[in-house]
Protein backbone atom coordinates (compact mmCIF):
# COMPACT_ATOMS: atom_id res chain seq x y z
CA MET A 1 73.87 21.08 -123.86
CA ASN A 2 70.43 20.64 -125.60
CA VAL A 3 70.26 17.03 -126.96
CA LYS A 4 68.46 17.01 -130.32
CA THR A 5 65.69 14.63 -130.85
CA LYS A 6 66.39 12.07 -133.64
CA ILE A 7 64.12 11.08 -136.38
CA LEU A 8 65.01 8.32 -138.74
CA ILE A 9 63.13 8.10 -141.89
CA ILE A 10 62.88 5.35 -144.08
CA ASP A 11 61.49 5.67 -147.44
CA ASP A 12 61.77 4.15 -150.93
CA GLU A 13 61.18 7.34 -152.64
CA ILE A 14 64.35 9.87 -152.25
CA ASN A 15 62.31 13.07 -153.00
CA ILE A 16 59.83 12.04 -149.92
CA ILE A 17 62.92 11.92 -147.91
CA ASN A 18 64.34 14.77 -149.03
CA ALA A 19 60.73 16.55 -148.02
CA LEU A 20 60.52 15.02 -144.86
CA LYS A 21 64.57 16.17 -143.84
CA ARG A 22 64.00 19.78 -144.45
CA LEU A 23 60.62 20.19 -142.70
CA PHE A 24 62.16 18.40 -139.56
CA ILE A 25 65.28 19.89 -139.80
CA LYS A 26 63.84 23.20 -139.59
CA PHE A 27 62.01 22.58 -136.11
CA ASP A 28 65.30 21.32 -134.75
CA TYR A 29 65.72 17.82 -135.46
CA ASP A 30 68.81 15.69 -136.00
CA VAL A 31 67.31 13.59 -138.93
CA LEU A 32 68.50 10.10 -140.12
CA SER A 33 67.15 8.95 -143.07
CA THR A 34 67.93 5.63 -145.64
CA THR A 35 65.82 4.02 -148.66
CA LYS A 36 66.29 0.78 -147.16
CA PRO A 37 64.24 -0.71 -144.16
CA GLU A 38 66.87 -3.13 -142.65
CA GLU A 39 69.84 -0.65 -142.89
CA GLY A 40 67.70 2.01 -141.09
CA LYS A 41 66.69 -0.92 -138.11
CA ALA A 42 70.43 -2.06 -138.27
CA ARG A 43 72.60 1.34 -137.84
CA HIS A 44 69.86 3.31 -135.44
CA PRO A 45 68.20 0.26 -133.81
CA LEU A 46 67.28 2.79 -130.22
CA THR A 47 66.03 5.43 -132.41
CA VAL A 48 62.41 3.99 -133.65
CA ARG A 49 59.58 5.04 -131.21
CA VAL A 50 56.92 5.77 -133.94
CA VAL A 51 56.10 3.82 -137.30
CA LEU A 52 53.89 6.05 -139.91
CA SER A 53 53.43 3.74 -143.02
CA GLY A 54 51.65 4.39 -146.38
CA TYR A 55 51.03 2.77 -149.50
């Protein structure tokens, strides 16, 4: 059984989320997303290994 690596995308812009989701799905990742950081952390507390931040 092949377990997919999960990626959690959090951004306030849905267009950015959708673009990143399309990219990572092509590489066979299991993509989770939200626009609210607190929701992402609460629903997926063990998912985050790397945080990339931009402003």
